[in-house]
Amino acid sequence: ISNYSMDFDGSSDFIDCGDFSGLISNKITISAWIKRNSSIGNYAIVAGIRNTSNGPSPYIINLQTASSKIIKFIITQSDSTSVVVSSNTLIENNTWYHVAGVADGSNVKLYVNGDLQTDQKTYDGTIISPTQNFNIGRQPSNANYYWDGQIDQVTVFDYGLSQDQVTQ
């Protein structure tokens, strides 16, 4: 892990990566190194897009709730059905984890530290188009759900990585 990770304050820090609408079609992998602080709030966003305040998420990785310590990867199909996979590995405070959400055209998967999590789902191979910018550290459609902690090496691929590729 780099000594130059971004430190997010949980209230106003984020990175707006711009418009991803033409870059990602129906397959995606989002991966990042994350470390949460003890004061992190519910639904804190690691990286991704949510089109409206409480609307669909084309693709996003977030912490479910501060107390559950569960990371989720969410995609929304073109029929507006959300597909959600959750980690069985708990994300503890002040510990680095590598997380990777994968939608490969058939399956939605989540990896934590290279381990495929048990919650896996199928999807119809479509992902809705984003209407907001891709953000790191907060929900892009609402100035809310900020990450409190560090995020490093966020990568986005326009295809689903295999487990071997995730662990490299």
N, C-alpha and C. Protein backbone atom coordinates (compact mmCIF):
# COMPACT_ATOMS: atom_id res chain seq x y z
N ILE A 1 0.85 -1.17 0.00
CA ILE A 1 0.00 0.00 0.00
C ILE A 1 0.90 1.23 0.00
N SER A 2 0.52 2.18 -0.77
CA SER A 2 1.28 3.42 -0.89
C SER A 2 1.24 4.22 0.40
N ASN A 3 2.28 4.99 0.62
CA ASN A 3 2.29 5.93 1.74
C ASN A 3 1.50 7.18 1.41
N TYR A 4 0.88 7.21 0.25
CA TYR A 4 0.19 8.40 -0.22
C TYR A 4 -1.29 8.17 -0.45
N SER A 5 -1.93 7.44 0.42
CA SER A 5 -3.37 7.22 0.29
C SER A 5 -4.11 8.52 0.61
N MET A 6 -5.35 8.59 0.16
CA MET A 6 -6.20 9.74 0.47
C MET A 6 -6.86 9.51 1.82
N ASP A 7 -6.84 10.54 2.64
CA ASP A 7 -7.47 10.47 3.96
C ASP A 7 -8.75 11.31 3.92
N PHE A 8 -9.88 10.64 4.06
CA PHE A 8 -11.19 11.29 3.96
C PHE A 8 -11.72 11.55 5.37
N ASP A 9 -12.32 12.74 5.58
CA ASP A 9 -12.70 13.17 6.92
C ASP A 9 -14.11 12.77 7.36
N GLY A 10 -14.89 12.14 6.47
CA GLY A 10 -16.22 11.69 6.84
C GLY A 10 -17.29 12.76 6.78
N SER A 11 -16.91 13.99 6.36
CA SER A 11 -17.92 15.05 6.31
C SER A 11 -17.88 15.92 5.06
N SER A 12 -16.72 16.02 4.42
CA SER A 12 -16.67 16.89 3.24
C SER A 12 -15.64 16.47 2.20
N ASP A 13 -14.78 15.52 2.49
CA ASP A 13 -13.74 15.13 1.55
C ASP A 13 -14.26 14.09 0.56
N PHE A 14 -13.97 14.31 -0.72
CA PHE A 14 -14.32 13.35 -1.76
C PHE A 14 -13.53 13.70 -3.02
N ILE A 15 -13.54 12.79 -3.98
CA ILE A 15 -12.93 13.03 -5.29
C ILE A 15 -14.00 12.79 -6.34
N ASP A 16 -14.21 13.78 -7.19
CA ASP A 16 -15.14 13.67 -8.30
C ASP A 16 -14.31 13.28 -9.53
N CYS A 17 -14.53 12.07 -10.03
CA CYS A 17 -13.74 11.55 -11.15
C CYS A 17 -14.36 11.86 -12.51
N GLY A 18 -15.47 12.53 -12.53
CA GLY A 18 -16.07 12.92 -13.80
C GLY A 18 -17.07 11.91 -14.32
N ASP A 19 -17.46 12.14 -15.57
CA ASP A 19 -18.51 11.38 -16.25
C ASP A 19 -17.98 10.03 -16.74
N PHE A 20 -18.61 8.95 -16.28
CA PHE A 20 -18.24 7.60 -16.69
C PHE A 20 -19.25 7.02 -17.68
N SER A 21 -20.23 7.80 -18.12
CA SER A 21 -21.34 7.25 -18.89
C SER A 21 -20.90 6.56 -20.18
N GLY A 22 -19.86 7.02 -20.83
CA GLY A 22 -19.41 6.39 -22.06
C GLY A 22 -18.32 5.36 -21.87
N LEU A 23 -17.86 5.18 -20.64
CA LEU A 23 -16.72 4.32 -20.40
C LEU A 23 -17.08 2.89 -20.01
N ILE A 24 -18.17 2.72 -19.29
CA ILE A 24 -18.56 1.42 -18.77
C ILE A 24 -19.87 1.02 -19.41
N SER A 25 -19.95 -0.23 -19.88
CA SER A 25 -21.22 -0.68 -20.45
C SER A 25 -21.88 -1.65 -19.48
N ASN A 26 -21.74 -2.94 -19.68
CA ASN A 26 -22.48 -3.91 -18.89
C ASN A 26 -21.61 -4.82 -18.03
N LYS A 27 -20.33 -4.52 -17.99
CA LYS A 27 -19.39 -5.26 -17.14
C LYS A 27 -18.51 -4.23 -16.44
N ILE A 28 -18.14 -4.53 -15.21
CA ILE A 28 -17.30 -3.59 -14.47
C ILE A 28 -16.61 -4.30 -13.31
N THR A 29 -15.45 -3.81 -12.96
CA THR A 29 -14.78 -4.15 -11.71
C THR A 29 -14.35 -2.84 -11.08
N ILE A 30 -14.68 -2.68 -9.80
CA ILE A 30 -14.19 -1.56 -9.00
C ILE A 30 -13.39 -2.17 -7.86
N SER A 31 -12.15 -1.72 -7.69
CA SER A 31 -11.35 -2.22 -6.57
C SER A 31 -10.67 -1.07 -5.87
N ALA A 32 -10.36 -1.28 -4.60
CA ALA A 32 -9.70 -0.24 -3.81
C ALA A 32 -9.14 -0.86 -2.54
N TRP A 33 -8.15 -0.19 -2.00
CA TRP A 33 -7.68 -0.47 -0.65
C TRP A 33 -8.41 0.50 0.26
N ILE A 34 -8.97 0.01 1.36
CA ILE A 34 -9.73 0.85 2.27
C ILE A 34 -9.30 0.62 3.72
N LYS A 35 -9.42 1.68 4.50
CA LYS A 35 -9.19 1.60 5.94
C LYS A 35 -10.18 2.56 6.59
N ARG A 36 -11.06 2.04 7.43
CA ARG A 36 -12.09 2.88 8.03
C ARG A 36 -11.68 3.37 9.41
N ASN A 37 -12.13 4.57 9.74
CA ASN A 37 -11.92 5.11 11.08
C ASN A 37 -13.12 4.75 11.94
N SER A 38 -12.96 4.91 13.25
CA SER A 38 -14.02 4.51 14.17
C SER A 38 -15.25 5.39 14.07
N SER A 39 -15.13 6.60 13.56
CA SER A 39 -16.26 7.51 13.51
C SER A 39 -17.04 7.45 12.19
N ILE A 40 -16.80 6.43 11.40
CA ILE A 40 -17.46 6.32 10.10
C ILE A 40 -18.97 6.17 10.27
N GLY A 41 -19.72 6.76 9.36
CA GLY A 41 -21.18 6.69 9.43
C GLY A 41 -21.75 5.55 8.60
N ASN A 42 -23.06 5.42 8.65
CA ASN A 42 -23.76 4.39 7.88
C ASN A 42 -23.72 4.71 6.39
N TYR A 43 -23.68 3.67 5.59
CA TYR A 43 -23.74 3.75 4.12
C TYR A 43 -22.60 4.55 3.51
N ALA A 44 -21.48 4.61 4.18
CA ALA A 44 -20.33 5.36 3.69
C ALA A 44 -19.86 4.78 2.36
N ILE A 45 -19.64 5.65 1.40
CA ILE A 45 -19.31 5.26 0.04
C ILE A 45 -17.80 5.15 -0.14
N VAL A 46 -17.37 4.01 -0.69
CA VAL A 46 -15.97 3.87 -1.10
C VAL A 46 -15.80 4.52 -2.46
N ALA A 47 -16.54 3.99 -3.46
CA ALA A 47 -16.44 4.53 -4.81
C ALA A 47 -17.64 4.08 -5.63
N GLY A 48 -18.05 4.93 -6.58
CA GLY A 48 -19.11 4.54 -7.49
C GLY A 48 -20.05 5.67 -7.83
N ILE A 49 -21.24 5.27 -8.30
CA ILE A 49 -22.24 6.22 -8.77
C ILE A 49 -23.61 5.82 -8.23
N ARG A 50 -24.35 6.80 -7.75
CA ARG A 50 -25.77 6.62 -7.44
C ARG A 50 -26.50 7.73 -8.18
N ASN A 51 -27.45 7.37 -9.04
CA ASN A 51 -28.05 8.35 -9.94
C ASN A 51 -28.87 9.43 -9.27
N THR A 52 -29.63 9.09 -8.25
CA THR A 52 -30.41 10.08 -7.51
C THR A 52 -30.25 9.80 -6.03
N SER A 53 -30.69 10.72 -5.21
CA SER A 53 -30.46 10.63 -3.77
C SER A 53 -30.81 9.28 -3.18
N ASN A 54 -31.96 8.75 -3.45
CA ASN A 54 -32.34 7.43 -2.96
C ASN A 54 -32.67 6.49 -4.11
N GLY A 55 -32.13 6.79 -5.26
CA GLY A 55 -32.44 6.02 -6.46
C GLY A 55 -31.42 4.95 -6.77
N PRO A 56 -31.44 4.48 -8.00
CA PRO A 56 -30.58 3.35 -8.38
C PRO A 56 -29.10 3.70 -8.44
N SER A 57 -28.30 2.68 -8.18
CA SER A 57 -26.85 2.80 -8.27
C SER A 57 -26.37 1.97 -9.45
N PRO A 58 -25.93 2.62 -10.54
CA PRO A 58 -25.38 1.81 -11.62
C PRO A 58 -24.31 0.84 -11.10
N TYR A 59 -23.40 1.37 -10.27
CA TYR A 59 -22.37 0.54 -9.63
C TYR A 59 -21.76 1.33 -8.49
N ILE A 60 -21.63 0.66 -7.34
CA ILE A 60 -21.13 1.35 -6.16
C ILE A 60 -20.64 0.34 -5.12
N ILE A 61 -19.60 0.70 -4.40
CA ILE A 61 -19.14 -0.08 -3.24
C ILE A 61 -19.34 0.81 -2.02
N ASN A 62 -20.00 0.28 -1.00
CA ASN A 62 -20.20 1.05 0.22
C ASN A 62 -20.23 0.17 1.45
N LEU A 63 -20.08 0.82 2.61
CA LEU A 63 -20.22 0.15 3.90
C LEU A 63 -21.70 0.12 4.22
N GLN A 64 -22.24 -1.04 4.60
CA GLN A 64 -23.67 -1.13 4.86
C GLN A 64 -24.06 -0.23 6.03
N THR A 65 -23.59 -0.54 7.20
CA THR A 65 -23.77 0.33 8.37
C THR A 65 -22.49 0.25 9.18
N ALA A 66 -22.26 1.28 9.96
CA ALA A 66 -21.04 1.30 10.77
C ALA A 66 -20.99 0.11 11.73
N SER A 67 -22.13 -0.26 12.28
CA SER A 67 -22.14 -1.36 13.25
C SER A 67 -22.07 -2.73 12.60
N SER A 68 -22.59 -2.88 11.38
CA SER A 68 -22.56 -4.20 10.73
C SER A 68 -21.18 -4.55 10.20
N LYS A 69 -20.38 -3.53 9.84
CA LYS A 69 -19.03 -3.72 9.33
C LYS A 69 -19.00 -4.51 8.02
N ILE A 70 -20.09 -4.46 7.26
CA ILE A 70 -20.22 -5.22 6.01
C ILE A 70 -20.07 -4.28 4.82
N ILE A 71 -19.25 -4.69 3.87
CA ILE A 71 -19.10 -3.97 2.61
C ILE A 71 -20.09 -4.56 1.61
N LYS A 72 -20.69 -3.69 0.78
CA LYS A 72 -21.62 -4.14 -0.26
C LYS A 72 -21.14 -3.64 -1.63
N PHE A 73 -21.40 -4.45 -2.65
CA PHE A 73 -21.22 -4.03 -4.03
C PHE A 73 -22.59 -4.11 -4.67
N ILE A 74 -23.02 -3.02 -5.28
CA ILE A 74 -24.36 -2.93 -5.85
C ILE A 74 -24.26 -2.54 -7.31
N ILE A 75 -25.01 -3.25 -8.15
CA ILE A 75 -25.22 -2.80 -9.53
C ILE A 75 -26.73 -2.77 -9.76
N THR A 76 -27.16 -1.96 -10.71
CA THR A 76 -28.57 -1.92 -11.06
C THR A 76 -28.70 -2.26 -12.54
N GLN A 77 -29.53 -3.27 -12.79
CA GLN A 77 -29.77 -3.73 -14.16
C GLN A 77 -30.62 -2.71 -14.92
N SER A 78 -30.68 -2.85 -16.24
CA SER A 78 -31.45 -1.90 -17.05
C SER A 78 -32.95 -1.96 -16.76
N ASP A 79 -33.43 -3.05 -16.14
CA ASP A 79 -34.85 -3.12 -15.74
C ASP A 79 -35.08 -2.50 -14.37
N SER A 80 -34.08 -1.81 -13.83
CA SER A 80 -34.10 -1.11 -12.54
C SER A 80 -34.05 -2.04 -11.32
N THR A 81 -33.75 -3.30 -11.52
CA THR A 81 -33.58 -4.23 -10.41
C THR A 81 -32.16 -4.12 -9.88
N SER A 82 -32.04 -3.85 -8.59
CA SER A 82 -30.72 -3.78 -7.97
C SER A 82 -30.25 -5.18 -7.59
N VAL A 83 -28.98 -5.43 -7.82
CA VAL A 83 -28.35 -6.68 -7.43
C VAL A 83 -27.28 -6.32 -6.41
N VAL A 84 -27.41 -6.86 -5.19
CA VAL A 84 -26.56 -6.49 -4.07
C VAL A 84 -25.83 -7.73 -3.55
N VAL A 85 -24.51 -7.63 -3.42
CA VAL A 85 -23.75 -8.70 -2.77
C VAL A 85 -23.03 -8.08 -1.57
N SER A 86 -22.96 -8.85 -0.50
CA SER A 86 -22.40 -8.36 0.76
C SER A 86 -21.23 -9.22 1.19
N SER A 87 -20.32 -8.61 1.93
CA SER A 87 -19.16 -9.35 2.43
C SER A 87 -19.54 -10.18 3.65
N ASN A 88 -18.88 -11.32 3.78
CA ASN A 88 -18.97 -12.06 5.04
C ASN A 88 -17.76 -11.72 5.92
N THR A 89 -16.73 -11.13 5.31
CA THR A 89 -15.60 -10.61 6.06
C THR A 89 -16.01 -9.27 6.65
N LEU A 90 -15.83 -9.09 7.94
CA LEU A 90 -16.17 -7.83 8.59
C LEU A 90 -15.02 -6.83 8.43
N ILE A 91 -15.37 -5.59 8.15
CA ILE A 91 -14.39 -4.53 7.93
C ILE A 91 -14.19 -3.80 9.25
N GLU A 92 -13.11 -4.13 9.93
CA GLU A 92 -12.82 -3.57 11.25
C GLU A 92 -12.14 -2.21 11.12
N ASN A 93 -12.20 -1.43 12.18
CA ASN A 93 -11.56 -0.12 12.21
C ASN A 93 -10.04 -0.25 12.13
N ASN A 94 -9.42 0.75 11.49
CA ASN A 94 -7.96 0.92 11.49
C ASN A 94 -7.19 -0.27 10.94
N THR A 95 -7.80 -0.98 10.00
CA THR A 95 -7.16 -2.12 9.33
C THR A 95 -7.35 -1.95 7.82
N TRP A 96 -6.29 -2.19 7.06
CA TRP A 96 -6.38 -2.11 5.61
C TRP A 96 -7.02 -3.36 5.03
N TYR A 97 -7.91 -3.17 4.05
CA TYR A 97 -8.55 -4.25 3.32
C TYR A 97 -8.53 -3.91 1.83
N HIS A 98 -8.35 -4.93 1.01
CA HIS A 98 -8.52 -4.75 -0.43
C HIS A 98 -9.91 -5.27 -0.78
N VAL A 99 -10.73 -4.44 -1.40
CA VAL A 99 -12.08 -4.84 -1.81
C VAL A 99 -12.20 -4.72 -3.32
N ALA A 100 -12.93 -5.65 -3.93
CA ALA A 100 -13.15 -5.61 -5.38
C ALA A 100 -14.55 -6.11 -5.67
N GLY A 101 -15.36 -5.26 -6.29
CA GLY A 101 -16.69 -5.64 -6.75
C GLY A 101 -16.61 -5.94 -8.24
N VAL A 102 -17.17 -7.09 -8.64
CA VAL A 102 -17.06 -7.55 -10.03
C VAL A 102 -18.44 -7.88 -10.58
N ALA A 103 -18.77 -7.31 -11.73
CA ALA A 103 -19.93 -7.71 -12.52
C ALA A 103 -19.38 -8.13 -13.87
N ASP A 104 -19.43 -9.44 -14.15
CA ASP A 104 -18.72 -9.99 -15.32
C ASP A 104 -19.60 -10.29 -16.53
N GLY A 105 -20.84 -9.84 -16.51
CA GLY A 105 -21.76 -10.12 -17.61
C GLY A 105 -22.77 -11.19 -17.25
N SER A 106 -22.48 -11.97 -16.20
CA SER A 106 -23.38 -13.03 -15.72
C SER A 106 -23.55 -13.00 -14.21
N ASN A 107 -22.46 -12.72 -13.51
CA ASN A 107 -22.45 -12.81 -12.05
C ASN A 107 -21.94 -11.53 -11.41
N VAL A 108 -22.45 -11.26 -10.20
CA VAL A 108 -21.98 -10.15 -9.39
C VAL A 108 -21.30 -10.77 -8.17
N LYS A 109 -20.04 -10.36 -7.93
CA LYS A 109 -19.22 -10.96 -6.89
C LYS A 109 -18.51 -9.87 -6.11
N LEU A 110 -18.08 -10.23 -4.93
CA LEU A 110 -17.31 -9.32 -4.09
C LEU A 110 -16.14 -10.08 -3.51
N TYR A 111 -14.98 -9.47 -3.57
CA TYR A 111 -13.76 -10.04 -2.98
C TYR A 111 -13.27 -9.13 -1.88
N VAL A 112 -12.81 -9.71 -0.78
CA VAL A 112 -12.16 -8.96 0.29
C VAL A 112 -10.82 -9.64 0.54
N ASN A 113 -9.75 -8.88 0.38
CA ASN A 113 -8.38 -9.41 0.50
C ASN A 113 -8.16 -10.64 -0.38
N GLY A 114 -8.75 -10.61 -1.56
CA GLY A 114 -8.59 -11.69 -2.53
C GLY A 114 -9.50 -12.88 -2.32
N ASP A 115 -10.24 -12.91 -1.22
CA ASP A 115 -11.15 -14.02 -0.93
C ASP A 115 -12.53 -13.72 -1.50
N LEU A 116 -13.01 -14.63 -2.33
CA LEU A 116 -14.36 -14.50 -2.88
C LEU A 116 -15.35 -14.65 -1.74
N GLN A 117 -16.21 -13.67 -1.58
CA GLN A 117 -17.22 -13.71 -0.51
C GLN A 117 -18.35 -14.65 -0.91
N THR A 118 -19.03 -15.21 0.08
CA THR A 118 -20.02 -16.26 -0.20
C THR A 118 -21.28 -15.74 -0.87
N ASP A 119 -21.61 -14.46 -0.68
CA ASP A 119 -22.80 -13.88 -1.28
C ASP A 119 -22.50 -13.50 -2.73
N GLN A 120 -23.00 -14.31 -3.67
CA GLN A 120 -22.83 -14.05 -5.10
C GLN A 120 -24.19 -14.14 -5.76
N LYS A 121 -24.39 -13.32 -6.78
CA LYS A 121 -25.70 -13.29 -7.45
C LYS A 121 -25.50 -13.28 -8.96
N THR A 122 -26.53 -13.71 -9.68
CA THR A 122 -26.53 -13.58 -11.13
C THR A 122 -27.23 -12.27 -11.49
N TYR A 123 -26.94 -11.78 -12.68
CA TYR A 123 -27.67 -10.62 -13.20
C TYR A 123 -27.88 -10.81 -14.69
N ASP A 124 -28.73 -9.97 -15.27
CA ASP A 124 -29.12 -10.17 -16.66
C ASP A 124 -28.10 -9.66 -17.67
N GLY A 125 -26.93 -9.23 -17.20
CA GLY A 125 -25.87 -8.79 -18.11
C GLY A 125 -25.98 -7.34 -18.52
N THR A 126 -26.92 -6.60 -17.91
CA THR A 126 -27.06 -5.18 -18.22
C THR A 126 -26.84 -4.34 -16.97
N ILE A 127 -26.37 -3.12 -17.17
CA ILE A 127 -26.21 -2.15 -16.09
C ILE A 127 -26.77 -0.83 -16.60
N ILE A 128 -27.59 -0.17 -15.77
CA ILE A 128 -28.17 1.11 -16.20
C ILE A 128 -27.07 2.14 -16.43
N SER A 129 -27.38 3.11 -17.25
CA SER A 129 -26.43 4.19 -17.53
C SER A 129 -26.38 5.17 -16.37
N PRO A 130 -25.20 5.63 -16.04
CA PRO A 130 -25.09 6.63 -14.97
C PRO A 130 -25.56 8.00 -15.43
N THR A 131 -26.13 8.77 -14.50
CA THR A 131 -26.51 10.16 -14.76
C THR A 131 -25.72 11.12 -13.87
N GLN A 132 -24.87 10.57 -13.02
CA GLN A 132 -24.03 11.38 -12.13
C GLN A 132 -22.57 11.02 -12.38
N ASN A 133 -21.68 11.79 -11.84
CA ASN A 133 -20.25 11.52 -11.96
C ASN A 133 -19.83 10.41 -10.99
N PHE A 134 -18.75 9.72 -11.34
CA PHE A 134 -18.15 8.71 -10.48
C PHE A 134 -17.42 9.43 -9.35
N ASN A 135 -17.71 9.05 -8.12
CA ASN A 135 -17.09 9.68 -6.95
C ASN A 135 -16.36 8.66 -6.10
N ILE A 136 -15.33 9.13 -5.43
CA ILE A 136 -14.62 8.34 -4.42
C ILE A 136 -14.83 9.06 -3.09
N GLY A 137 -15.32 8.33 -2.11
CA GLY A 137 -15.44 8.88 -0.76
C GLY A 137 -16.78 9.48 -0.39
N ARG A 138 -17.75 9.50 -1.33
CA ARG A 138 -19.09 9.99 -0.99
C ARG A 138 -20.09 9.56 -2.07
N GLN A 139 -21.35 9.70 -1.72
CA GLN A 139 -22.42 9.44 -2.69
C GLN A 139 -22.50 10.64 -3.63
N PRO A 140 -22.38 10.43 -4.94
CA PRO A 140 -22.31 11.56 -5.85
C PRO A 140 -23.61 12.33 -6.05
N SER A 141 -24.75 11.70 -5.86
CA SER A 141 -26.01 12.38 -6.13
C SER A 141 -26.54 13.14 -4.93
N ASN A 142 -25.84 13.06 -3.82
CA ASN A 142 -26.31 13.68 -2.59
C ASN A 142 -25.07 13.90 -1.72
N ALA A 143 -24.90 15.09 -1.24
CA ALA A 143 -23.74 15.35 -0.39
C ALA A 143 -23.93 14.64 0.95
N ASN A 144 -23.77 13.35 0.91
CA ASN A 144 -24.08 12.52 2.05
C ASN A 144 -23.24 11.25 1.99
N TYR A 145 -23.23 10.50 3.05
CA TYR A 145 -22.59 9.19 3.11
C TYR A 145 -21.09 9.26 2.80
N TYR A 146 -20.43 10.18 3.47
CA TYR A 146 -19.00 10.36 3.27
C TYR A 146 -18.20 9.24 3.96
N TRP A 147 -17.08 8.87 3.36
CA TRP A 147 -16.17 7.89 3.93
C TRP A 147 -15.29 8.58 4.98
N ASP A 148 -15.12 7.95 6.12
CA ASP A 148 -14.21 8.44 7.14
C ASP A 148 -13.09 7.41 7.29
N GLY A 149 -11.95 7.74 6.74
CA GLY A 149 -10.82 6.82 6.74
C GLY A 149 -9.99 7.05 5.50
N GLN A 150 -9.23 6.03 5.13
CA GLN A 150 -8.34 6.15 3.99
C GLN A 150 -8.81 5.25 2.84
N ILE A 151 -8.57 5.73 1.63
CA ILE A 151 -8.85 4.97 0.41
C ILE A 151 -7.63 5.13 -0.49
N ASP A 152 -7.20 4.03 -1.07
CA ASP A 152 -6.01 4.06 -1.91
C ASP A 152 -6.22 3.18 -3.13
N GLN A 153 -5.56 3.53 -4.20
CA GLN A 153 -5.46 2.71 -5.41
C GLN A 153 -6.83 2.25 -5.94
N VAL A 154 -7.75 3.19 -6.08
CA VAL A 154 -9.03 2.86 -6.70
C VAL A 154 -8.80 2.59 -8.18
N THR A 155 -9.28 1.45 -8.63
CA THR A 155 -9.17 1.11 -10.05
C THR A 155 -10.53 0.67 -10.56
N VAL A 156 -10.80 1.03 -11.81
CA VAL A 156 -12.06 0.66 -12.46
C VAL A 156 -11.72 0.04 -13.80
N PHE A 157 -12.28 -1.13 -14.03
CA PHE A 157 -12.07 -1.85 -15.29
C PHE A 157 -13.42 -2.00 -15.99
N ASP A 158 -13.41 -1.99 -17.31
CA ASP A 158 -14.65 -2.16 -18.06
C ASP A 158 -14.91 -3.63 -18.40
N TYR A 159 -14.45 -4.50 -17.53
CA TYR A 159 -14.70 -5.94 -17.64
C TYR A 159 -14.62 -6.55 -16.24
N GLY A 160 -15.10 -7.75 -16.10
CA GLY A 160 -15.06 -8.43 -14.81
C GLY A 160 -13.74 -9.16 -14.62
N LEU A 161 -12.99 -8.79 -13.60
CA LEU A 161 -11.74 -9.48 -13.31
C LEU A 161 -12.01 -10.88 -12.78
N SER A 162 -11.11 -11.80 -13.09
CA SER A 162 -11.16 -13.14 -12.50
C SER A 162 -10.56 -13.07 -11.10
N GLN A 163 -10.72 -14.14 -10.32
CA GLN A 163 -10.13 -14.15 -8.98
C GLN A 163 -8.61 -14.04 -9.05
N ASP A 164 -8.00 -14.71 -10.02
CA ASP A 164 -6.55 -14.60 -10.18
C ASP A 164 -6.13 -13.16 -10.46
N GLN A 165 -6.90 -12.46 -11.29
CA GLN A 165 -6.57 -11.07 -11.60
C GLN A 165 -6.77 -10.16 -10.38
N VAL A 166 -7.81 -10.44 -9.59
CA VAL A 166 -8.05 -9.64 -8.38
C VAL A 166 -6.90 -9.77 -7.41
N THR A 167 -6.32 -10.94 -7.30
CA THR A 167 -5.27 -11.18 -6.31
C THR A 167 -3.87 -10.79 -6.78
N GLN A 168 -3.71 -10.39 -8.03
CA GLN A 168 -2.39 -9.98 -8.52
C GLN A 168 -2.00 -8.61 -8.03
